[in-house]
């Protein structure tokens, strides 16, 4: 399938800051832009851009942009590579879709943008595109395979957390890697013995609130309680854990005092939420 889409891009927000500037050499800057697309190609764009200024008004430009929106009835996202020059407020660039970056109904999309940039905050573009249906099928199957893998990891992680909460040591150790790494504010330790000692000493109970995941790593948002004397609760707080499952066993756990910190450590985003 081939097509052509025309749109008007409007810059909603933008900023540019220098990050390296030396005497006798070009100035380097980085920019962030948030844009809207109106027309055949409709949606939002987020662009991170680097410029190398040879004069105050002339620079080479490189950037990466994620477009999220729709072409006709197809909804999804893709990533655009920007290469060009900037002179006296006017951008001249070649912009093309990065292969295999499409998501949703836009899997398998390829294309090139013709850009007519001006000094204003709105300019027109023409997008000539096509869909590699074979690639789209491959990417869809790959995504389905990864989703299945994540589901299997979650089943193991859930069983492992249930065994931790119930202190069912025998069941717990069956799905724990012999070299499990346990990471916390005081550092890391390894092995099943340390795990059992930690659970028995803290009386920790973890209630799952939400789950985020990519292949190989999971983040659990949790409500944590820990025990005191005579079965009383010594304290409680919302927390988060990063877990890694390898060969059907939990091989890593790290606890954080906030979901934000855990997601950052795991390299996972809000969009990776699975429960």
Foldseek 3Di string as FASTA:
>chain_A
DKDKWKWKKFWPDKDKDWDDDDPPAWTKIKMWTWIAIDTQFGFIKIKIKMWTHPDPFKTWIWIKMKTFADRVPFGWIFIKIWTFMTGPQWTATKIWTDQQRTDGSCGQKTWIKHWGGDNHRMGMIMIIMDGPVVRSVVSVVVVVVFVVLVVLVVVLVVQLLVCLLVVVLVSNVVQADQFAWEAEPVGIDTGSVVVSVVSVVWSKHWDFDFWFDTRFKIKTWTKIWTADPPGDTPDIAIWMWMWGHDPRHTRYIYIGRDSVVNCVVVVTDPVRTDD
